[in-house]
Amino acid sequence: MFCMLDGFPAGLRVQPEDINFWLAERQKGYGRGGRQRIEKDEVDMLAGMRGGVTLGGPLLMAVWNRDFKNWTDAMDPWKRSTGPRATKIVQPRPGHADLVGAMKYELDDCRNVLERASARETAGRVAAGALCRKLLAEFGVDLAGHVTQIGPVVAKTDKVPSQDIRKISMKSQVRCCDKEAGVKMIAAIKQAKRDKDSLGGVVEVRTWGLPPGIGTYTQWDRKLDARICQAMMSIQAVKGVEVGIGFRGAGRAGSQFHDEIVYSSEERVGGHYRRLSNNLGGTEGSMTTGEDLVVRVMKKPISTLMKPLRSVNMETREPALAVLERSDTCAVPALAIIVESALAIVLAEFFIEKFGGDTVNEMKRNFDAYVVSVNKR
């Protein structure tokens, strides 16, 4: 898995553990399958850094797939393999990219689709996200994700302080801040595994330390909410995104939805204005308000089931059962890390756009000047 970051500023100090820690966290979580015992993801920095400092040029990273050596013959780019792993996949999985991808690209083997469509790709996003969260930390910005729902089990976590989320969730096998709900989530995953089924769920990521004004209302493709949602929906198996209370607030009247504004003499990075609630999740007009940015993402159950659903053999067009591939019962805990990473990438892009500069120090000077200006309002 290769990942390239272009436009990243020079002068950011990074160590391998700054990236490898998050790659390891992505592989954790109750409900993961056998692949996580095969892979031990670690970053290999190939370009853009020297002596642990970014140089300002494109950063090229690799996260090598240890299992690939077993597939070199089957996936040979130059010749068609006849080995045991080269058997064509012609029984697409409902809910996966298999069938439509094969039709679109005129392929006779779904293997060519499922390899590229695999969530293995998210290892690259986590590596990139690790660098981006490191950059954001230079400006006092941090973010943390946690699981709020797996299957039918919903956690009660609205009152958990944002700064406590990582500490609490990392003690849970399902990355949940509600201990009682976490026990029930594990039980639900165990039952799904016994039933040869899979479970989806919801994760929430909160970001704090953001000044107001990140994003813009002036163009549709430069709106913060829009670019966040696009990034989230591009993650494999994600079928829903909300900022703030989102869909949960659809039944409320405006007086119960919008966040009332007050002025505080206490100064902070977000200026003097405060919201008495945070139903809008830290944005107004697709710009940050200075309150915590709150994003929730819903992941559907994994498409590969050990008790396969009905499908069709693409060669004979006769009824068949969907193909079986190595898979997880539930990967929602890992999604929390992936969403954190995807959000960090989007926010880093906005910071680079807003505060410019070829180096981290230049960005900081521009950031500090902006904060001074905001705090005068």
Protein backbone atom coordinates (compact mmCIF):
# COMPACT_ATOMS: atom_id res chain seq x y z
CA MET A 1 0.00 0.00 0.00
CA PHE A 2 1.51 3.29 -1.13
CA CYS A 3 0.46 6.73 0.02
CA MET A 4 1.71 10.12 -1.15
CA LEU A 5 1.15 13.48 0.55
CA ASP A 6 1.89 16.48 -1.64
CA GLY A 7 1.92 20.09 -0.43
CA PHE A 8 2.93 19.13 3.11
CA PRO A 9 5.06 21.80 4.84
CA ALA A 10 8.71 21.40 5.71
CA GLY A 11 9.96 21.32 9.27
CA LEU A 12 7.61 18.83 10.93
CA ARG A 13 9.50 16.44 13.18
CA VAL A 14 8.23 12.86 12.90
CA GLN A 15 9.33 9.50 14.26
CA PRO A 16 8.23 6.06 12.96
CA GLU A 17 6.17 5.45 16.12
CA ASP A 18 4.09 8.55 15.36
CA ILE A 19 2.69 6.60 12.41
CA ASN A 20 3.09 2.96 13.47
CA PHE A 21 1.09 3.52 16.67
CA TRP A 22 -2.01 4.44 14.67
CA LEU A 23 -1.46 1.66 12.12
CA ALA A 24 -1.47 -0.80 15.03
CA GLU A 25 -4.61 0.76 16.50
CA ARG A 26 -6.39 0.29 13.16
CA GLN A 27 -5.77 -3.46 13.40
CA LYS A 28 -7.26 -3.79 16.88
CA GLY A 29 -10.84 -4.27 18.02
CA TYR A 30 -13.04 -7.17 19.00
CA GLY A 31 -14.58 -8.86 15.96
CA ARG A 32 -11.58 -8.70 13.63
CA GLY A 33 -10.71 -11.79 11.58
CA GLY A 34 -7.61 -13.80 10.78
CA ARG A 35 -5.99 -11.26 8.48
CA GLN A 36 -4.99 -9.09 11.44
CA ARG A 37 -2.86 -11.97 12.73
CA ILE A 38 -1.05 -12.11 9.39
CA GLU A 39 -0.36 -8.41 8.96
CA LYS A 40 1.75 -6.22 11.23
CA ASP A 41 1.50 -2.83 9.61
CA GLU A 42 4.51 -0.54 9.79
CA VAL A 43 5.38 2.48 7.68
CA ASP A 44 8.31 2.66 5.30
CA MET A 45 9.10 6.29 4.44
CA LEU A 46 10.44 6.37 0.90
CA ALA A 47 10.69 10.08 0.10
CA GLY A 48 10.12 13.58 1.46
CA MET A 49 11.84 13.22 4.82
CA ARG A 50 15.40 13.29 6.13
CA GLY A 51 16.58 12.81 9.69
CA GLY A 52 13.01 12.66 10.96
CA VAL A 53 12.05 16.06 9.50
CA THR A 54 9.76 16.72 6.52
CA LEU A 55 11.47 18.50 3.63
CA GLY A 56 8.54 20.19 1.89
CA GLY A 57 8.51 17.84 -1.09
CA PRO A 58 6.03 14.98 -1.69
CA LEU A 59 6.01 12.44 1.13
CA LEU A 60 5.88 8.87 -0.17
CA MET A 61 5.05 6.10 2.30
CA ALA A 62 4.60 2.36 1.92
CA VAL A 63 2.75 -0.03 4.23
CA TRP A 64 3.82 -3.43 2.99
CA ASN A 65 1.35 -6.30 2.85
CA ARG A 66 3.02 -9.36 4.38
CA ASP A 67 0.46 -11.71 2.84
CA PHE A 68 1.20 -10.50 -0.69
CA LYS A 69 4.05 -12.99 -1.11
CA ASN A 70 1.39 -15.72 -1.15
CA TRP A 71 -0.35 -13.97 -4.04
CA THR A 72 2.56 -13.01 -6.29
CA ASP A 73 1.77 -15.78 -8.77
CA ALA A 74 -2.01 -15.33 -8.73
CA MET A 75 -1.74 -11.54 -9.15
CA ASP A 76 1.21 -11.51 -11.55
CA PRO A 77 0.94 -8.36 -13.70
CA TRP A 78 2.43 -9.98 -16.81
CA LYS A 79 1.09 -13.50 -17.09
CA ARG A 80 -2.11 -15.32 -16.25
CA SER A 81 -1.64 -17.74 -13.37
CA THR A 82 -3.01 -21.27 -13.31
CA GLY A 83 -2.25 -21.85 -9.63
CA PRO A 84 -4.82 -22.69 -6.92
CA ARG A 85 -5.27 -19.04 -5.91
CA ALA A 86 -5.99 -18.06 -9.50
CA THR A 87 -9.46 -19.60 -9.58
CA LYS A 88 -11.84 -17.02 -10.97
CA ILE A 89 -14.42 -15.49 -8.65
CA VAL A 90 -17.73 -15.42 -10.49
CA GLN A 91 -20.19 -15.47 -7.58
CA PRO A 92 -20.38 -11.82 -6.44
CA ARG A 93 -21.21 -10.85 -2.87
CA PRO A 94 -24.38 -8.80 -2.29
CA GLY A 95 -23.42 -5.38 -0.93
CA HIS A 96 -19.88 -5.47 -2.33
CA ALA A 97 -18.33 -3.85 -5.41
CA ASP A 98 -17.90 -7.31 -7.02
CA LEU A 99 -20.75 -7.45 -9.54
CA VAL A 100 -21.08 -3.82 -10.63
CA GLY A 101 -17.30 -3.42 -10.81
CA ALA A 102 -16.94 -6.49 -13.03
CA MET A 103 -19.73 -5.24 -15.29
CA LYS A 104 -18.37 -1.69 -15.51
CA TYR A 105 -14.80 -2.69 -16.35
CA GLU A 106 -15.72 -5.74 -18.49
CA LEU A 107 -13.94 -8.19 -16.20
CA ASP A 108 -14.57 -11.92 -16.02
CA ASP A 109 -13.05 -12.31 -12.54
CA CYS A 110 -14.32 -10.44 -9.48
CA ARG A 111 -10.88 -10.85 -7.91
CA ASN A 112 -9.77 -7.86 -9.98
CA VAL A 113 -12.48 -5.78 -8.30
CA LEU A 114 -12.31 -6.94 -4.72
CA GLU A 115 -8.56 -6.44 -4.41
CA ARG A 116 -8.82 -2.75 -5.29
CA ALA A 117 -12.11 -2.22 -3.42
CA SER A 118 -10.74 -3.79 -0.24
CA ALA A 119 -10.66 -1.77 2.99
CA ARG A 120 -6.97 -2.68 3.13
CA GLU A 121 -6.63 0.67 1.35
CA THR A 122 -7.44 2.43 4.62
CA ALA A 123 -3.97 1.54 5.96
CA GLY A 124 -2.67 4.24 3.63
CA ARG A 125 -5.20 6.75 4.95
CA VAL A 126 -4.19 6.00 8.53
CA ALA A 127 -0.51 6.53 7.67
CA ALA A 128 -1.33 9.86 5.99
CA GLY A 129 -3.70 10.77 8.81
CA ALA A 130 -0.96 10.18 11.37
CA LEU A 131 1.20 12.83 9.73
CA CYS A 132 -1.75 15.19 9.44
CA ARG A 133 -2.74 14.84 13.10
CA LYS A 134 0.90 15.50 13.99
CA LEU A 135 0.73 18.71 11.97
CA LEU A 136 -2.57 19.76 13.57
CA ALA A 137 -1.07 19.19 17.03
CA GLU A 138 1.41 21.98 16.26
CA PHE A 139 -1.59 24.33 16.39
CA GLY A 140 -3.15 22.83 19.53
CA VAL A 141 -5.73 20.80 17.60
CA ASP A 142 -6.54 17.24 18.68
CA LEU A 143 -9.21 14.70 17.82
CA ALA A 144 -10.47 11.38 19.16
CA GLY A 145 -12.93 8.78 17.92
CA HIS A 146 -15.06 6.21 19.71
CA VAL A 147 -17.82 3.70 18.98
CA THR A 148 -21.37 4.78 19.79
CA GLN A 149 -23.24 1.80 18.31
CA ILE A 150 -22.62 -1.77 17.19
CA GLY A 151 -25.60 -3.67 15.83
CA PRO A 152 -28.59 -2.94 18.09
CA VAL A 153 -26.46 -1.78 21.05
CA VAL A 154 -26.30 2.02 21.51
CA ALA A 155 -23.87 3.65 23.94
CA LYS A 156 -24.64 6.68 26.12
CA THR A 157 -21.62 8.90 25.61
CA ASP A 158 -22.90 12.44 24.97
CA LYS A 159 -21.68 13.62 28.38
CA VAL A 160 -18.16 12.20 28.05
CA PRO A 161 -15.70 15.14 27.77
CA SER A 162 -13.95 15.18 24.40
CA GLN A 163 -10.49 15.21 25.98
CA ASP A 164 -11.29 11.99 27.89
CA ILE A 165 -12.50 9.97 24.89
CA ARG A 166 -9.15 8.49 23.84
CA LYS A 167 -8.15 7.51 27.39
CA ILE A 168 -11.47 5.80 28.08
CA SER A 169 -12.09 4.20 24.68
CA MET A 170 -8.62 2.65 24.45
CA LYS A 171 -9.42 0.57 27.52
CA SER A 172 -12.34 -1.03 25.67
CA GLN A 173 -12.05 -3.95 23.23
CA VAL A 174 -14.70 -2.26 21.10
CA ARG A 175 -13.40 1.30 21.61
CA CYS A 176 -16.55 2.32 23.50
CA CYS A 177 -16.66 4.92 26.31
CA ASP A 178 -19.78 3.34 27.86
CA LYS A 179 -18.54 0.30 29.80
CA GLU A 180 -21.96 -1.36 30.08
CA ALA A 181 -22.70 -0.86 26.39
CA GLY A 182 -19.24 -2.19 25.54
CA VAL A 183 -20.00 -5.50 27.27
CA LYS A 184 -23.25 -5.78 25.32
CA MET A 185 -21.47 -4.95 22.06
CA ILE A 186 -19.01 -7.80 22.59
CA ALA A 187 -21.91 -10.16 23.28
CA ALA A 188 -23.64 -9.01 20.09
CA ILE A 189 -20.47 -9.64 18.06
CA LYS A 190 -20.08 -13.11 19.60
CA GLN A 191 -23.67 -13.94 18.67
CA ALA A 192 -23.19 -12.67 15.13
CA LYS A 193 -20.10 -14.84 14.78
CA ARG A 194 -22.04 -17.87 15.98
CA ASP A 195 -24.73 -17.01 13.45
CA LYS A 196 -22.06 -16.65 10.73
CA ASP A 197 -23.27 -13.09 10.25
CA SER A 198 -21.73 -9.59 10.50
CA LEU A 199 -22.51 -6.31 12.27
CA GLY A 200 -22.13 -2.64 11.43
CA GLY A 201 -22.43 0.40 13.64
CA VAL A 202 -21.67 4.06 14.27
CA VAL A 203 -18.52 5.92 15.33
CA GLU A 204 -18.15 9.49 16.47
CA VAL A 205 -15.06 11.68 16.17
CA ARG A 206 -14.69 14.95 18.07
CA THR A 207 -12.08 17.60 17.29
CA TRP A 208 -11.18 20.44 19.64
CA GLY A 209 -8.85 23.44 19.53
CA LEU A 210 -10.09 24.66 16.15
CA PRO A 211 -10.40 28.42 15.67
CA PRO A 212 -13.52 29.82 14.00
CA GLY A 213 -13.46 30.34 10.25
CA ILE A 214 -11.90 27.14 8.94
CA GLY A 215 -13.84 26.47 5.73
CA THR A 216 -15.98 28.88 3.75
CA TYR A 217 -19.53 29.58 2.61
CA THR A 218 -18.43 31.12 -0.69
CA GLN A 219 -18.11 28.03 -2.94
CA TRP A 220 -19.85 24.67 -2.82
CA ASP A 221 -16.66 22.62 -3.24
CA ARG A 222 -14.75 24.53 -0.55
CA LYS A 223 -17.28 24.06 2.25
CA LEU A 224 -15.88 22.28 5.29
CA ASP A 225 -18.94 20.10 5.91
CA ALA A 226 -19.04 19.05 2.26
CA ARG A 227 -15.41 17.97 2.11
CA ILE A 228 -15.68 16.14 5.42
CA CYS A 229 -18.71 14.20 4.22
CA GLN A 230 -17.05 13.33 0.91
CA ALA A 231 -14.00 11.99 2.76
CA MET A 232 -16.17 9.91 5.09
CA MET A 233 -18.38 8.50 2.34
CA SER A 234 -15.27 7.39 0.44
CA ILE A 235 -14.37 4.99 3.26
CA GLN A 236 -15.36 1.43 2.39
CA ALA A 237 -18.80 0.33 3.71
CA VAL A 238 -19.76 3.79 5.03
CA LYS A 239 -23.41 4.57 4.22
CA GLY A 240 -24.16 7.64 6.33
CA VAL A 241 -22.51 10.77 7.77
CA GLU A 242 -23.82 13.47 10.08
CA VAL A 243 -22.28 16.63 11.56
CA GLY A 244 -23.52 17.45 15.06
CA ILE A 245 -26.84 15.82 15.88
CA GLY A 246 -27.61 15.53 12.16
CA PHE A 247 -30.50 13.19 11.42
CA ARG A 248 -31.19 12.84 15.14
CA GLY A 249 -32.37 16.45 15.13
CA ALA A 250 -34.75 16.17 12.19
CA GLY A 251 -37.82 16.19 14.42
CA ARG A 252 -36.81 19.26 16.41
CA ALA A 253 -38.11 22.78 15.91
CA GLY A 254 -35.56 25.46 15.07
CA SER A 255 -35.70 26.86 18.59
CA GLN A 256 -34.56 23.47 19.91
CA PHE A 257 -31.96 22.84 17.21
CA HIS A 258 -29.84 25.96 16.77
CA ASP A 259 -27.08 26.85 19.21
CA GLU A 260 -27.64 30.16 21.00
CA ILE A 261 -24.66 32.56 21.08
CA VAL A 262 -23.20 34.40 24.07
CA TYR A 263 -20.12 36.58 24.57
CA SER A 264 -17.52 35.58 27.14
CA SER A 265 -14.75 37.72 28.57
CA GLU A 266 -12.59 34.57 28.72
CA GLU A 267 -10.26 34.36 25.74
CA ARG A 268 -9.54 31.14 23.85
CA VAL A 269 -8.33 30.09 20.41
CA GLY A 270 -11.94 30.28 19.27
CA GLY A 271 -12.33 33.90 20.31
CA HIS A 272 -14.84 35.24 22.83
CA TYR A 273 -18.07 33.90 21.33
CA ARG A 274 -19.59 30.72 22.76
CA ARG A 275 -22.54 28.48 21.89
CA LEU A 276 -24.78 27.35 24.74
CA SER A 277 -25.17 23.98 23.01
CA ASN A 278 -23.42 22.20 20.13
CA ASN A 279 -26.20 20.64 18.11
CA LEU A 280 -24.63 21.87 14.88
CA GLY A 281 -21.43 20.05 15.74
CA GLY A 282 -19.03 22.97 15.63
CA THR A 283 -19.91 24.41 12.22
CA GLU A 284 -22.16 27.18 10.91
CA GLY A 285 -22.30 28.04 7.23
CA SER A 286 -19.77 25.25 6.59
CA MET A 287 -17.16 27.01 8.75
CA THR A 288 -15.84 26.10 12.18
CA THR A 289 -17.29 28.05 15.10
CA GLY A 290 -14.62 27.31 17.72
CA GLU A 291 -16.78 24.68 19.41
CA ASP A 292 -15.89 20.99 19.16
CA LEU A 293 -16.28 19.62 15.65
CA VAL A 294 -18.48 16.50 15.95
CA VAL A 295 -18.76 14.00 13.09
CA ARG A 296 -20.62 10.68 13.15
CA VAL A 297 -20.24 7.93 10.55
CA MET A 298 -22.39 4.82 9.99
CA LYS A 299 -20.77 1.66 8.64
CA LYS A 300 -22.91 -1.10 7.19
CA PRO A 301 -22.28 -4.74 8.12
CA ILE A 302 -19.42 -6.39 6.24
CA SER A 303 -20.49 -7.91 2.91
CA THR A 304 -18.62 -11.21 3.29
CA LEU A 305 -20.72 -13.61 5.34
CA MET A 306 -19.69 -17.06 6.52
CA LYS A 307 -23.28 -18.05 5.74
CA PRO A 308 -23.32 -16.62 2.22
CA LEU A 309 -26.32 -14.86 0.74
CA ARG A 310 -27.92 -15.79 -2.56
CA SER A 311 -26.19 -14.59 -5.70
CA VAL A 312 -25.75 -15.56 -9.36
CA ASN A 313 -22.91 -17.34 -11.15
CA MET A 314 -21.76 -14.77 -13.71
CA GLU A 315 -20.64 -17.47 -16.17
CA THR A 316 -23.69 -19.73 -16.08
CA ARG A 317 -26.21 -17.08 -14.90
CA GLU A 318 -27.60 -19.75 -12.61
CA PRO A 319 -28.45 -19.19 -8.92
CA ALA A 320 -25.45 -19.59 -6.61
CA LEU A 321 -24.20 -18.64 -3.18
CA ALA A 322 -21.86 -15.66 -2.84
CA VAL A 323 -18.14 -16.33 -2.67
CA LEU A 324 -16.48 -16.78 0.72
CA GLU A 325 -13.45 -14.60 1.47
CA ARG A 326 -11.43 -14.13 4.66
CA SER A 327 -13.26 -11.47 6.63
CA ASP A 328 -14.21 -9.92 9.97
CA THR A 329 -17.41 -10.25 11.94
CA CYS A 330 -17.28 -6.58 12.91
CA ALA A 331 -14.75 -3.88 12.03
CA VAL A 332 -16.51 -0.89 13.62
CA PRO A 333 -13.81 -0.33 16.31
CA ALA A 334 -11.22 0.00 13.54
CA LEU A 335 -13.48 2.49 11.76
CA ALA A 336 -13.01 4.94 14.64
CA ILE A 337 -9.28 5.16 13.83
CA ILE A 338 -9.93 5.35 10.08
CA VAL A 339 -12.45 8.17 10.50
CA GLU A 340 -10.06 10.05 12.80
CA SER A 341 -7.41 9.75 10.10
CA ALA A 342 -9.71 10.82 7.26
CA LEU A 343 -10.86 13.83 9.26
CA ALA A 344 -7.28 14.77 10.15
CA ILE A 345 -6.40 14.76 6.45
CA VAL A 346 -9.30 17.08 5.57
CA LEU A 347 -8.53 19.47 8.42
CA ALA A 348 -4.82 19.53 7.55
CA GLU A 349 -5.74 20.42 3.97
CA PHE A 350 -7.85 23.32 5.23
CA PHE A 351 -5.09 24.51 7.57
CA ILE A 352 -2.56 24.49 4.74
CA GLU A 353 -5.01 26.37 2.50
CA LYS A 354 -5.90 28.90 5.19
CA PHE A 355 -2.52 29.56 6.78
CA GLY A 356 -0.23 28.79 3.83
CA GLY A 357 3.51 28.77 4.18
CA ASP A 358 6.26 26.45 3.01
CA THR A 359 7.27 25.50 6.56
CA VAL A 360 5.53 24.65 9.81
CA ASN A 361 7.02 27.75 11.43
CA GLU A 362 5.65 29.99 8.68
CA MET A 363 2.22 28.42 9.10
CA LYS A 364 2.43 29.04 12.85
CA ARG A 365 3.19 32.71 12.33
CA ASN A 366 0.20 33.07 10.06
CA PHE A 367 -1.98 31.10 12.46
CA ASP A 368 -0.95 33.20 15.46
CA ALA A 369 -1.69 36.42 13.57
CA TYR A 370 -5.14 35.10 12.64
CA VAL A 371 -5.92 34.12 16.25
CA VAL A 372 -4.93 37.57 17.47
CA SER A 373 -7.27 39.10 14.89
CA VAL A 374 -10.15 36.80 15.86
CA ASN A 375 -9.73 37.48 19.58
CA LYS A 376 -10.16 41.21 18.97
CA ARG A 377 -13.68 40.70 17.60
